[in-house]
Amino acid sequence: MNIHPLLAGLQINPDFLLQNLDFRERRGLVVKISESAYRQTAFLDERVLRADTQGAWFPLADLLQAATGTQIARPPHYIFHVGHCGSTLVSRLLGELPSVFSLREPIILLALAIMQRALDTPESPLDDAEWQRLLKMSLALLSRTYHKGDRPVIKLTSAAGNLLGSLLAESTDSKALLMYVDLETYLATMLRAEATRENLRAYADTWLADFRRRTGGDNIGAQPMDEARQAVISWLAMLLAFSEATAHNPGRTLWMHFDTFLNAPASHLQQASQFFGLQAAPEAINQLASGPWMKRYAKDPQQQFDRQTRHQELAQARKHLQAEIHAALDWTESLCMDIPLLETALPYLRPNLDR
């Protein structure tokens, strides 16, 4: 029986990418890209697709069969984050090391994260066993590397934060870098532009569901929330996920505040590489920490952006949004007092780079 070249390619190398999943239609999209595309693209979503990209949709059953036997030479490490806190930059920097295959925000993991939240609902097109098979297949395919001995390091989008525990459970060799900023900085970041406010609105229900599931705070969000409170809920939901993963996986998570990273990028990049067990000579780390990526916006390399620019933009946002930010922080403090599980978040509400 002849097999489609794109399906056959899944057993060859990462050029053949399972780029998307459609659970309702029970199919997945396989596209053919290149090693340079992985390095250049910001994320493995629609931005990796070009007008001339070869691709086709295949039934999930055919994908599962084609991927059968795919071996994971080295289980992936992960980067999780609260959103807009330098994770794309760190992913790019780590990807410049010779022993790393860096993958940024594969959309198949976002699809699986969204589906995981719906598994217990009557309208879910998958049951838990099917979801588990698709997760294992996706991880196996994302863990293929171009060079023997390379370690995949997968950065997920913040809306896939609910996968943290599941992914660490897949292999005890996997670790997770957990990137965050304090809540005050996060509020200034997310409220300063319409695009980031729109992102909050788009995932408001998702974050609220995660928050309620972890805290039992069913009364939260009973009334419409403004964007500042939506930002609080998204930040708290991720911090709770971080805390739970850290408690259940001792030694397998590393918390990193983006501002501490920017204050000493070489030492923190070295810390991350050592945590992941990567090969990184000090001179290579120093070169990366002072190189061109530190002067570009990681999501859009054409845009100049550095620590000073970020500092100026945040200072301006804090000035113009002072009342909104302070009201959100006050509301958060009251939440933390009302819900005992949130008390551990209190030290992270405002900047404190001594942690």
Protein backbone atom coordinates (compact mmCIF):
# COMPACT_ATOMS: atom_id res chain seq x y z
CA MET A 1 0.00 0.00 0.00
CA ASN A 2 1.35 3.41 -0.96
CA ILE A 3 1.60 5.95 1.84
CA HIS A 4 1.41 9.68 1.24
CA PRO A 5 4.92 11.24 1.26
CA LEU A 6 3.92 13.68 4.01
CA LEU A 7 2.77 10.84 6.24
CA ALA A 8 5.88 8.81 5.44
CA GLY A 9 7.98 11.84 6.31
CA LEU A 10 6.81 11.76 9.92
CA GLN A 11 9.27 8.91 10.47
CA ILE A 12 12.14 10.77 8.77
CA ASN A 13 12.90 14.13 10.38
CA PRO A 14 11.29 17.32 11.75
CA ASP A 15 10.92 18.75 8.22
CA PHE A 16 7.56 16.98 8.31
CA LEU A 17 5.66 18.86 10.99
CA LEU A 18 2.30 17.93 12.45
CA GLN A 19 1.27 21.57 12.49
CA ASN A 20 -2.39 21.52 13.56
CA LEU A 21 -5.14 19.31 14.94
CA ASP A 22 -8.87 19.49 14.25
CA PHE A 23 -10.69 17.27 16.74
CA ARG A 24 -14.21 17.95 15.43
CA GLU A 25 -13.26 16.73 11.97
CA ARG A 26 -10.84 14.18 13.47
CA ARG A 27 -7.92 15.21 11.30
CA GLY A 28 -4.46 16.77 11.48
CA LEU A 29 -2.42 18.99 9.19
CA VAL A 30 1.08 17.87 8.16
CA VAL A 31 3.32 20.43 6.46
CA LYS A 32 6.85 20.30 5.08
CA ILE A 33 9.15 23.05 6.36
CA SER A 34 12.90 23.27 7.06
CA GLU A 35 15.39 23.52 9.90
CA SER A 36 15.84 27.20 9.19
CA ALA A 37 12.06 27.74 9.49
CA TYR A 38 12.15 26.42 13.06
CA ARG A 39 14.89 28.91 13.90
CA GLN A 40 13.42 31.91 12.12
CA THR A 41 9.71 31.74 12.88
CA ALA A 42 8.42 33.28 16.08
CA PHE A 43 5.88 30.50 16.65
CA LEU A 44 4.83 27.24 15.01
CA ASP A 45 1.33 28.52 14.31
CA GLU A 46 0.13 30.06 11.04
CA ARG A 47 3.32 32.14 10.97
CA VAL A 48 5.34 29.11 9.93
CA LEU A 49 3.19 28.65 6.82
CA ARG A 50 4.13 30.25 3.49
CA ALA A 51 2.27 30.49 0.20
CA ASP A 52 4.40 27.65 -1.20
CA THR A 53 4.30 25.39 1.90
CA GLN A 54 3.43 21.80 1.05
CA GLY A 55 0.77 20.37 3.34
CA ALA A 56 -2.30 18.17 3.62
CA TRP A 57 -4.90 17.14 6.18
CA PHE A 58 -5.06 13.48 7.22
CA PRO A 59 -7.45 11.48 9.42
CA LEU A 60 -6.27 11.16 13.00
CA ALA A 61 -6.25 7.37 12.65
CA ASP A 62 -3.79 7.63 9.74
CA LEU A 63 -1.57 10.01 11.71
CA LEU A 64 -1.51 7.70 14.71
CA GLN A 65 -0.58 4.77 12.50
CA ALA A 66 2.10 6.72 10.62
CA ALA A 67 3.66 7.90 13.89
CA THR A 68 3.66 4.45 15.48
CA GLY A 69 7.16 3.50 16.54
CA THR A 70 8.48 7.05 16.61
CA GLN A 71 11.18 6.96 19.27
CA ILE A 72 11.99 9.83 21.61
CA ALA A 73 15.78 9.82 21.86
CA ARG A 74 15.81 12.60 24.45
CA PRO A 75 12.59 13.68 26.15
CA PRO A 76 11.86 17.39 25.71
CA HIS A 77 12.32 20.11 28.27
CA TYR A 78 9.72 22.87 28.46
CA ILE A 79 9.34 26.60 28.94
CA PHE A 80 6.07 27.69 30.54
CA HIS A 81 5.23 31.31 31.30
CA VAL A 82 2.56 33.73 32.49
CA GLY A 83 2.62 35.60 29.17
CA HIS A 84 4.64 38.51 27.81
CA CYS A 85 7.55 37.87 30.15
CA GLY A 86 10.53 37.17 27.89
CA SER A 87 9.96 33.48 27.22
CA THR A 88 10.31 33.88 23.45
CA LEU A 89 13.64 35.65 23.93
CA VAL A 90 14.96 32.94 26.25
CA SER A 91 13.73 30.26 23.84
CA ARG A 92 15.62 31.92 20.98
CA LEU A 93 18.78 32.29 23.05
CA LEU A 94 18.72 28.66 24.17
CA GLY A 95 18.08 27.66 20.56
CA GLU A 96 21.42 29.18 19.59
CA LEU A 97 23.27 26.63 21.72
CA PRO A 98 24.70 23.73 19.71
CA SER A 99 22.86 20.97 21.61
CA VAL A 100 19.34 22.44 21.51
CA PHE A 101 16.43 22.07 19.12
CA SER A 102 14.12 24.94 20.07
CA LEU A 103 10.41 24.83 19.24
CA ARG A 104 8.20 27.81 20.01
CA GLU A 105 4.49 27.43 20.66
CA PRO A 106 3.50 24.48 18.49
CA ILE A 107 -0.18 24.97 17.92
CA ILE A 108 -0.93 21.26 18.35
CA LEU A 109 -0.13 21.59 22.06
CA LEU A 110 -2.45 24.57 22.37
CA ALA A 111 -5.17 22.50 20.67
CA LEU A 112 -4.57 19.66 23.12
CA ALA A 113 -4.61 22.09 26.06
CA ILE A 114 -7.96 23.51 25.01
CA MET A 115 -9.34 20.02 24.46
CA GLN A 116 -8.10 18.81 27.85
CA ARG A 117 -10.31 21.42 29.52
CA ALA A 118 -13.34 20.05 27.65
CA LEU A 119 -12.79 16.32 28.17
CA ASP A 120 -15.39 15.95 30.90
CA THR A 121 -18.09 17.80 28.99
CA PRO A 122 -20.83 16.07 26.96
CA GLU A 123 -19.85 17.93 23.79
CA SER A 124 -16.22 16.76 23.83
CA PRO A 125 -15.33 14.92 20.60
CA LEU A 126 -12.62 12.93 22.43
CA ASP A 127 -12.51 10.76 25.50
CA ASP A 128 -9.57 10.74 27.88
CA ALA A 129 -7.90 7.71 26.32
CA GLU A 130 -8.03 9.24 22.83
CA TRP A 131 -6.64 12.50 24.17
CA GLN A 132 -3.76 10.67 25.85
CA ARG A 133 -2.89 8.85 22.60
CA LEU A 134 -2.85 12.12 20.68
CA LEU A 135 -0.70 13.79 23.35
CA LYS A 136 1.86 10.99 23.24
CA MET A 137 1.91 11.07 19.43
CA SER A 138 2.33 14.85 19.39
CA LEU A 139 5.19 14.79 21.89
CA ALA A 140 6.94 12.01 20.00
CA LEU A 141 6.74 13.97 16.75
CA LEU A 142 7.81 17.25 18.37
CA SER A 143 10.78 15.47 19.98
CA ARG A 144 12.40 14.47 16.69
CA THR A 145 15.64 16.41 16.15
CA TYR A 146 17.90 17.12 13.21
CA HIS A 147 21.12 16.21 14.98
CA LYS A 148 21.82 13.18 17.14
CA GLY A 149 22.09 14.07 20.80
CA ASP A 150 20.17 17.33 20.56
CA ARG A 151 17.62 18.10 23.25
CA PRO A 152 14.21 19.48 22.26
CA VAL A 153 13.19 22.52 24.30
CA ILE A 154 9.54 23.36 23.72
CA LYS A 155 8.09 26.73 24.67
CA LEU A 156 4.32 26.63 25.04
CA THR A 157 1.88 29.49 24.75
CA SER A 158 0.53 30.74 28.07
CA ALA A 159 -2.97 29.46 27.27
CA ALA A 160 -1.51 25.94 27.30
CA GLY A 161 -0.37 26.30 30.90
CA ASN A 162 -2.81 23.62 32.02
CA LEU A 163 -0.57 21.04 30.31
CA LEU A 164 2.32 21.61 32.71
CA GLY A 165 1.55 18.69 34.99
CA SER A 166 0.64 16.35 32.14
CA LEU A 167 3.85 17.02 30.21
CA LEU A 168 6.10 16.55 33.23
CA ALA A 169 4.28 13.30 33.95
CA GLU A 170 5.18 11.95 30.50
CA SER A 171 8.88 11.62 31.40
CA THR A 172 10.81 12.04 34.62
CA ASP A 173 13.72 13.28 32.48
CA SER A 174 11.77 16.37 31.40
CA LYS A 175 12.14 19.65 33.26
CA ALA A 176 10.32 22.98 33.02
CA LEU A 177 11.59 26.54 33.14
CA LEU A 178 8.79 28.66 34.62
CA MET A 179 9.01 32.30 33.54
CA TYR A 180 7.01 35.06 35.15
CA VAL A 181 6.91 38.67 36.22
CA ASP A 182 5.32 40.08 39.36
CA LEU A 183 1.64 40.96 39.05
CA GLU A 184 2.20 44.72 39.05
CA THR A 185 4.57 44.41 36.08
CA TYR A 186 2.20 41.99 34.35
CA LEU A 187 -0.69 44.42 34.71
CA ALA A 188 1.37 47.27 33.27
CA THR A 189 2.38 45.03 30.38
CA MET A 190 -1.04 43.65 29.54
CA LEU A 191 -3.08 46.84 29.96
CA ARG A 192 -0.84 49.23 28.04
CA ALA A 193 -2.01 48.31 24.52
CA GLU A 194 -5.23 47.27 22.81
CA ALA A 195 -3.61 44.14 21.35
CA THR A 196 -2.73 42.73 24.77
CA ARG A 197 -6.11 43.72 26.19
CA GLU A 198 -7.74 41.85 23.32
CA ASN A 199 -5.64 38.81 24.20
CA LEU A 200 -6.97 38.99 27.76
CA ARG A 201 -10.55 39.14 26.50
CA ALA A 202 -10.00 36.26 24.09
CA TYR A 203 -8.84 33.86 26.81
CA ALA A 204 -10.82 35.26 29.76
CA ASP A 205 -13.14 32.25 30.02
CA THR A 206 -10.22 29.84 29.70
CA TRP A 207 -8.25 31.43 32.52
CA LEU A 208 -11.33 31.72 34.69
CA ALA A 209 -12.10 28.03 34.24
CA ASP A 210 -8.51 27.11 35.20
CA PHE A 211 -8.67 29.39 38.23
CA ARG A 212 -11.99 27.97 39.42
CA ARG A 213 -10.82 24.40 38.92
CA ARG A 214 -7.75 24.97 41.08
CA THR A 215 -9.32 27.10 43.82
CA GLY A 216 -12.99 26.19 43.86
CA GLY A 217 -13.74 29.91 43.67
CA ASP A 218 -16.95 29.49 41.71
CA ASN A 219 -18.23 32.89 42.78
CA ILE A 220 -15.31 34.63 41.06
CA GLY A 221 -16.41 36.04 37.73
CA ALA A 222 -20.10 35.70 38.48
CA GLN A 223 -20.31 39.31 37.32
CA PRO A 224 -18.51 40.63 34.19
CA MET A 225 -14.87 41.48 34.96
CA ASP A 226 -12.87 44.29 33.47
CA GLU A 227 -9.60 43.60 31.68
CA ALA A 228 -7.49 44.34 34.76
CA ARG A 229 -9.28 41.63 36.74
CA GLN A 230 -9.05 39.28 33.76
CA ALA A 231 -5.29 39.85 33.84
CA VAL A 232 -5.22 39.07 37.56
CA ILE A 233 -7.07 35.80 37.05
CA SER A 234 -4.78 34.70 34.20
CA TRP A 235 -1.67 35.49 36.26
CA LEU A 236 -3.00 33.74 39.37
CA ALA A 237 -4.04 30.67 37.37
CA MET A 238 -0.52 30.28 36.00
CA LEU A 239 1.14 30.91 39.36
CA LEU A 240 -1.06 28.19 40.88
CA ALA A 241 -0.03 25.83 38.07
CA PHE A 242 3.63 26.66 38.73
CA SER A 243 3.28 26.05 42.47
CA GLU A 244 1.46 22.75 41.98
CA ALA A 245 4.03 21.46 39.46
CA THR A 246 6.90 22.48 41.75
CA ALA A 247 5.36 20.69 44.72
CA HIS A 248 4.72 17.50 42.74
CA ASN A 249 8.03 17.46 40.84
CA PRO A 250 10.88 18.38 43.21
CA GLY A 251 13.98 19.57 41.40
CA ARG A 252 12.31 19.58 38.00
CA THR A 253 11.13 23.19 37.83
CA LEU A 254 13.08 26.45 37.80
CA TRP A 255 11.31 29.76 38.42
CA MET A 256 12.75 32.79 36.65
CA HIS A 257 11.56 36.39 36.90
CA PHE A 258 12.19 38.14 33.59
CA ASP A 259 13.55 41.27 35.24
CA THR A 260 16.14 39.27 37.17
CA PHE A 261 17.11 37.71 33.85
CA LEU A 262 17.52 41.13 32.23
CA ASN A 263 19.60 42.36 35.15
CA ALA A 264 22.16 39.60 34.56
CA PRO A 265 21.34 37.74 31.35
CA ALA A 266 24.58 35.76 31.10
CA SER A 267 24.35 34.26 34.59
CA HIS A 268 20.64 33.43 34.23
CA LEU A 269 21.09 31.94 30.78
CA GLN A 270 23.88 29.82 32.23
CA GLN A 271 21.58 28.83 35.08
CA ALA A 272 18.84 27.76 32.65
CA SER A 273 21.26 25.79 30.46
CA GLN A 274 22.71 23.98 33.49
CA PHE A 275 19.22 23.24 34.78
CA PHE A 276 18.36 21.63 31.46
CA GLY A 277 21.68 19.79 31.32
CA LEU A 278 22.72 21.52 28.10
CA GLN A 279 26.21 21.92 26.72
CA ALA A 280 27.03 25.60 27.00
CA ALA A 281 30.53 27.03 27.16
CA PRO A 282 30.75 30.24 29.24
CA GLU A 283 32.10 32.19 26.27
CA ALA A 284 29.11 31.11 24.15
CA ILE A 285 26.71 32.18 26.89
CA ASN A 286 28.42 35.57 27.25
CA GLN A 287 28.28 36.12 23.51
CA LEU A 288 24.58 35.35 23.38
CA ALA A 289 23.84 37.56 26.39
CA SER A 290 25.41 40.54 24.66
CA GLY A 291 24.41 39.61 21.12
CA PRO A 292 21.80 40.90 18.68
CA TRP A 293 18.84 39.02 20.16
CA MET A 294 19.10 41.20 23.26
CA LYS A 295 18.40 44.23 21.06
CA ARG A 296 15.43 42.88 19.06
CA TYR A 297 11.83 42.09 19.84
CA ALA A 298 11.90 38.30 19.92
CA LYS A 299 8.41 37.93 18.44
CA ASP A 300 9.32 40.27 15.55
CA PRO A 301 13.06 40.41 14.84
CA GLN A 302 12.57 43.40 12.53
CA GLN A 303 11.60 45.51 15.54
CA GLN A 304 14.33 47.03 17.70
CA PHE A 305 13.68 46.41 21.38
CA ASP A 306 15.92 46.18 24.43
CA ARG A 307 15.88 46.37 28.21
CA GLN A 308 15.89 50.18 28.22
CA THR A 309 13.00 50.39 25.76
CA ARG A 310 11.00 47.95 27.87
CA HIS A 311 11.77 49.95 31.02
CA GLN A 312 10.57 53.16 29.41
CA GLU A 313 7.35 51.62 28.09
CA LEU A 314 6.52 50.06 31.44
CA ALA A 315 7.23 53.32 33.28
CA GLN A 316 4.86 55.14 30.96
CA ALA A 317 2.20 52.45 31.39
CA ARG A 318 2.50 52.57 35.18
CA LYS A 319 2.04 56.34 35.11
CA HIS A 320 -1.03 56.38 32.86
CA LEU A 321 -2.64 53.24 34.32
CA GLN A 322 -1.85 53.89 37.97
CA ALA A 323 -5.43 53.86 39.22
CA GLU A 324 -6.39 50.76 37.23
CA ILE A 325 -3.29 48.85 38.36
CA HIS A 326 -3.67 49.80 42.02
CA ALA A 327 -7.35 48.81 42.03
CA ALA A 328 -6.47 45.42 40.54
CA LEU A 329 -3.72 44.87 43.10
CA ASP A 330 -6.08 45.74 45.95
CA TRP A 331 -8.67 43.30 44.56
CA THR A 332 -5.97 40.61 44.30
CA GLU A 333 -4.93 41.09 47.91
CA SER A 334 -8.52 40.63 49.03
CA LEU A 335 -8.78 37.47 46.90
CA CYS A 336 -5.61 36.09 48.45
CA MET A 337 -7.00 36.69 51.93
CA ASP A 338 -10.35 35.06 51.09
CA ILE A 339 -8.90 31.98 49.35
CA PRO A 340 -6.19 30.33 51.50
CA LEU A 341 -4.63 28.58 48.49
CA LEU A 342 -3.70 32.01 47.10
CA GLU A 343 -1.75 33.19 50.13
CA THR A 344 1.48 31.91 48.56
CA ALA A 345 0.96 34.43 45.73
CA LEU A 346 1.12 37.47 48.03
CA PRO A 347 4.93 37.87 47.86
CA TYR A 348 4.74 37.96 44.05
CA LEU A 349 2.30 40.83 43.64
CA ARG A 350 4.88 43.60 43.45
CA PRO A 351 8.50 43.79 42.23
CA ASN A 352 11.01 42.05 44.49
CA LEU A 353 14.02 40.88 42.54
CA ASP A 354 15.77 39.41 45.58
CA ARG A 355 13.79 36.15 45.22
